[in-house]
């Protein structure tokens, strides 16, 4: 069985419903345990990563940016001293799709 991190994000053009309810919970459980990604209002997922300094946080942001470009799926990234907050959802459906969780799994692997 392939993990989310082994898959690739699929471009979404819209026209599909966002994940909700049990389907959303099911894919959330596929993230590595314990999952530090929180589902917010069944609309987006967010996670805060902690670092010892700004330089380490910035290096992580650059690695996330490279993965996002490779996958064609771009999260919102908030960088601060010793922390990075990442929020993602699929804009074309104004909610969550499998690609959001694939990206989250790939980001988790960067630690």
C-alpha atoms as a PDB file:
ATOM      1  CA  UNK A   1       0.000   0.000   0.000  1.00  0.00           C
ATOM      2  CA  UNK A   2       1.380   3.400  -0.919  1.00  0.00           C
ATOM      3  CA  UNK A   3       1.486   6.164   1.634  1.00  0.00           C
ATOM      4  CA  UNK A   4       0.282   9.695   1.012  1.00  0.00           C
ATOM      5  CA  UNK A   5       3.901  10.848   0.788  1.00  0.00           C
ATOM      6  CA  UNK A   6       4.510   8.393  -2.080  1.00  0.00           C
ATOM      7  CA  UNK A   7       1.752   9.912  -4.210  1.00  0.00           C
ATOM      8  CA  UNK A   8       1.801  13.077  -6.293  1.00  0.00           C
ATOM      9  CA  UNK A   9      -0.538  16.040  -6.099  1.00  0.00           C
ATOM     10  CA  UNK A  10      -3.084  16.190  -8.888  1.00  0.00           C
ATOM     11  CA  UNK A  11      -3.953  19.592 -10.351  1.00  0.00           C
ATOM     12  CA  UNK A  12      -7.546  20.510  -9.559  1.00  0.00           C
ATOM     13  CA  UNK A  13      -9.575  22.570 -11.991  1.00  0.00           C
ATOM     14  CA  UNK A  14     -12.660  22.595  -9.789  1.00  0.00           C
ATOM     15  CA  UNK A  15     -15.932  20.871 -10.435  1.00  0.00           C
ATOM     16  CA  UNK A  16     -15.427  18.313  -7.671  1.00  0.00           C
ATOM     17  CA  UNK A  17     -16.740  18.602  -4.137  1.00  0.00           C
ATOM     18  CA  UNK A  18     -14.237  19.166  -1.332  1.00  0.00           C
ATOM     19  CA  UNK A  19     -13.668  16.375   1.182  1.00  0.00           C
ATOM     20  CA  UNK A  20     -16.084  16.434   4.113  1.00  0.00           C
ATOM     21  CA  UNK A  21     -17.197  14.261   7.022  1.00  0.00           C
ATOM     22  CA  UNK A  22     -16.000  10.669   7.171  1.00  0.00           C
ATOM     23  CA  UNK A  23     -14.013  10.904   3.916  1.00  0.00           C
ATOM     24  CA  UNK A  24     -12.092  13.849   5.366  1.00  0.00           C
ATOM     25  CA  UNK A  25     -11.474  12.037   8.652  1.00  0.00           C
ATOM     26  CA  UNK A  26     -10.334   8.914   6.814  1.00  0.00           C
ATOM     27  CA  UNK A  27      -7.666  10.692   4.761  1.00  0.00           C
ATOM     28  CA  UNK A  28      -6.545  12.716   7.796  1.00  0.00           C
ATOM     29  CA  UNK A  29      -5.854   9.416   9.603  1.00  0.00           C
ATOM     30  CA  UNK A  30      -3.507   8.447   6.755  1.00  0.00           C
ATOM     31  CA  UNK A  31      -0.999  11.114   7.828  1.00  0.00           C
ATOM     32  CA  UNK A  32       1.854   9.776   9.962  1.00  0.00           C
ATOM     33  CA  UNK A  33       0.941   9.367  13.621  1.00  0.00           C
ATOM     34  CA  UNK A  34       0.784  11.435  15.574  1.00  0.00           C
ATOM     35  CA  UNK A  35      -0.546  13.900  13.031  1.00  0.00           C
ATOM     36  CA  UNK A  36       0.114  17.470  14.016  1.00  0.00           C
ATOM     37  CA  UNK A  37      -2.034  18.784  11.171  1.00  0.00           C
ATOM     38  CA  UNK A  38      -5.325  20.247  12.343  1.00  0.00           C
ATOM     39  CA  UNK A  39      -8.428  20.380  10.188  1.00  0.00           C
ATOM     40  CA  UNK A  40     -10.060  23.788  10.474  1.00  0.00           C
ATOM     41  CA  UNK A  41     -13.789  24.025   9.666  1.00  0.00           C
ATOM     42  CA  UNK A  42     -13.470  21.196   7.126  1.00  0.00           C
ATOM     43  CA  UNK A  43     -11.889  23.858   4.888  1.00  0.00           C
ATOM     44  CA  UNK A  44      -8.121  23.826   5.394  1.00  0.00           C
ATOM     45  CA  UNK A  45      -5.371  22.110   7.341  1.00  0.00           C
ATOM     46  CA  UNK A  46      -2.715  23.848   9.396  1.00  0.00           C
ATOM     47  CA  UNK A  47       0.418  22.870  11.266  1.00  0.00           C
ATOM     48  CA  UNK A  48       3.027  24.842  13.190  1.00  0.00           C
ATOM     49  CA  UNK A  49       6.629  23.649  13.122  1.00  0.00           C
ATOM     50  CA  UNK A  50       9.096  24.770  15.836  1.00  0.00           C
ATOM     51  CA  UNK A  51      12.798  25.459  15.292  1.00  0.00           C
ATOM     52  CA  UNK A  52      15.715  26.624  17.443  1.00  0.00           C
ATOM     53  CA  UNK A  53      16.357  29.762  15.413  1.00  0.00           C
ATOM     54  CA  UNK A  54      15.323  31.834  12.418  1.00  0.00           C
ATOM     55  CA  UNK A  55      17.953  30.344  10.104  1.00  0.00           C
ATOM     56  CA  UNK A  56      16.643  26.791  10.618  1.00  0.00           C
ATOM     57  CA  UNK A  57      13.053  27.918  10.099  1.00  0.00           C
ATOM     58  CA  UNK A  58      14.007  29.720   6.891  1.00  0.00           C
ATOM     59  CA  UNK A  59      15.869  26.665   5.583  1.00  0.00           C
ATOM     60  CA  UNK A  60      12.748  24.578   6.221  1.00  0.00           C
ATOM     61  CA  UNK A  61      10.591  27.119   4.360  1.00  0.00           C
ATOM     62  CA  UNK A  62      12.912  26.859   1.362  1.00  0.00           C
ATOM     63  CA  UNK A  63      12.620  23.042   1.381  1.00  0.00           C
ATOM     64  CA  UNK A  64       8.822  23.318   1.617  1.00  0.00           C
ATOM     65  CA  UNK A  65       8.868  25.755  -1.295  1.00  0.00           C
ATOM     66  CA  UNK A  66      10.835  23.316  -3.423  1.00  0.00           C
ATOM     67  CA  UNK A  67       8.365  20.497  -2.713  1.00  0.00           C
ATOM     68  CA  UNK A  68       5.407  22.800  -3.380  1.00  0.00           C
ATOM     69  CA  UNK A  69       6.848  23.815  -6.747  1.00  0.00           C
ATOM     70  CA  UNK A  70       7.600  20.199  -7.641  1.00  0.00           C
ATOM     71  CA  UNK A  71       4.018  19.203  -6.775  1.00  0.00           C
ATOM     72  CA  UNK A  72       2.340  22.276  -8.258  1.00  0.00           C
ATOM     73  CA  UNK A  73       0.423  22.723  -5.008  1.00  0.00           C
ATOM     74  CA  UNK A  74       1.273  25.815  -2.986  1.00  0.00           C
ATOM     75  CA  UNK A  75       0.498  26.336   0.711  1.00  0.00           C
ATOM     76  CA  UNK A  76       0.370  29.571   2.648  1.00  0.00           C
ATOM     77  CA  UNK A  77       3.559  29.842   4.709  1.00  0.00           C
ATOM     78  CA  UNK A  78       4.047  32.089   7.730  1.00  0.00           C
ATOM     79  CA  UNK A  79       7.674  32.410   8.844  1.00  0.00           C
ATOM     80  CA  UNK A  80       8.722  33.767  12.218  1.00  0.00           C
ATOM     81  CA  UNK A  81      11.662  33.424  14.552  1.00  0.00           C
ATOM     82  CA  UNK A  82      11.814  29.744  15.437  1.00  0.00           C
ATOM     83  CA  UNK A  83       8.529  28.788  13.850  1.00  0.00           C
ATOM     84  CA  UNK A  84       6.825  28.107  10.552  1.00  0.00           C
ATOM     85  CA  UNK A  85       3.067  27.826  10.150  1.00  0.00           C
ATOM     86  CA  UNK A  86       1.765  26.101   7.042  1.00  0.00           C
ATOM     87  CA  UNK A  87      -1.848  26.261   5.886  1.00  0.00           C
ATOM     88  CA  UNK A  88      -3.138  24.519   2.808  1.00  0.00           C
ATOM     89  CA  UNK A  89      -6.378  23.930   0.939  1.00  0.00           C
ATOM     90  CA  UNK A  90      -7.385  23.601  -2.680  1.00  0.00           C
ATOM     91  CA  UNK A  91      -8.501  26.990  -3.918  1.00  0.00           C
ATOM     92  CA  UNK A  92     -10.297  25.602  -6.983  1.00  0.00           C
ATOM     93  CA  UNK A  93     -12.840  23.816  -4.740  1.00  0.00           C
ATOM     94  CA  UNK A  94     -12.589  26.199  -1.767  1.00  0.00           C
ATOM     95  CA  UNK A  95     -11.840  23.273   0.529  1.00  0.00           C
ATOM     96  CA  UNK A  96      -9.743  20.184   1.024  1.00  0.00           C
ATOM     97  CA  UNK A  97      -8.769  17.526  -1.510  1.00  0.00           C
ATOM     98  CA  UNK A  98      -6.454  14.537  -1.376  1.00  0.00           C
ATOM     99  CA  UNK A  99      -3.652  16.739  -2.758  1.00  0.00           C
ATOM    100  CA  UNK A 100      -3.652  18.822   0.419  1.00  0.00           C
ATOM    101  CA  UNK A 101      -2.933  15.724   2.475  1.00  0.00           C
ATOM    102  CA  UNK A 102      -0.333  14.474   0.015  1.00  0.00           C
ATOM    103  CA  UNK A 103       1.460  17.799   0.332  1.00  0.00           C
ATOM    104  CA  UNK A 104       1.185  17.671   4.138  1.00  0.00           C
ATOM    105  CA  UNK A 105       2.725  14.180   4.187  1.00  0.00           C
ATOM    106  CA  UNK A 106       5.568  15.293   1.940  1.00  0.00           C
ATOM    107  CA  UNK A 107       6.200  18.322   4.186  1.00  0.00           C
ATOM    108  CA  UNK A 108       6.284  16.067   7.252  1.00  0.00           C
ATOM    109  CA  UNK A 109       9.063  14.058   5.603  1.00  0.00           C
ATOM    110  CA  UNK A 110      11.235  17.186   5.390  1.00  0.00           C
ATOM    111  CA  UNK A 111      11.848  17.268   9.138  1.00  0.00           C
END
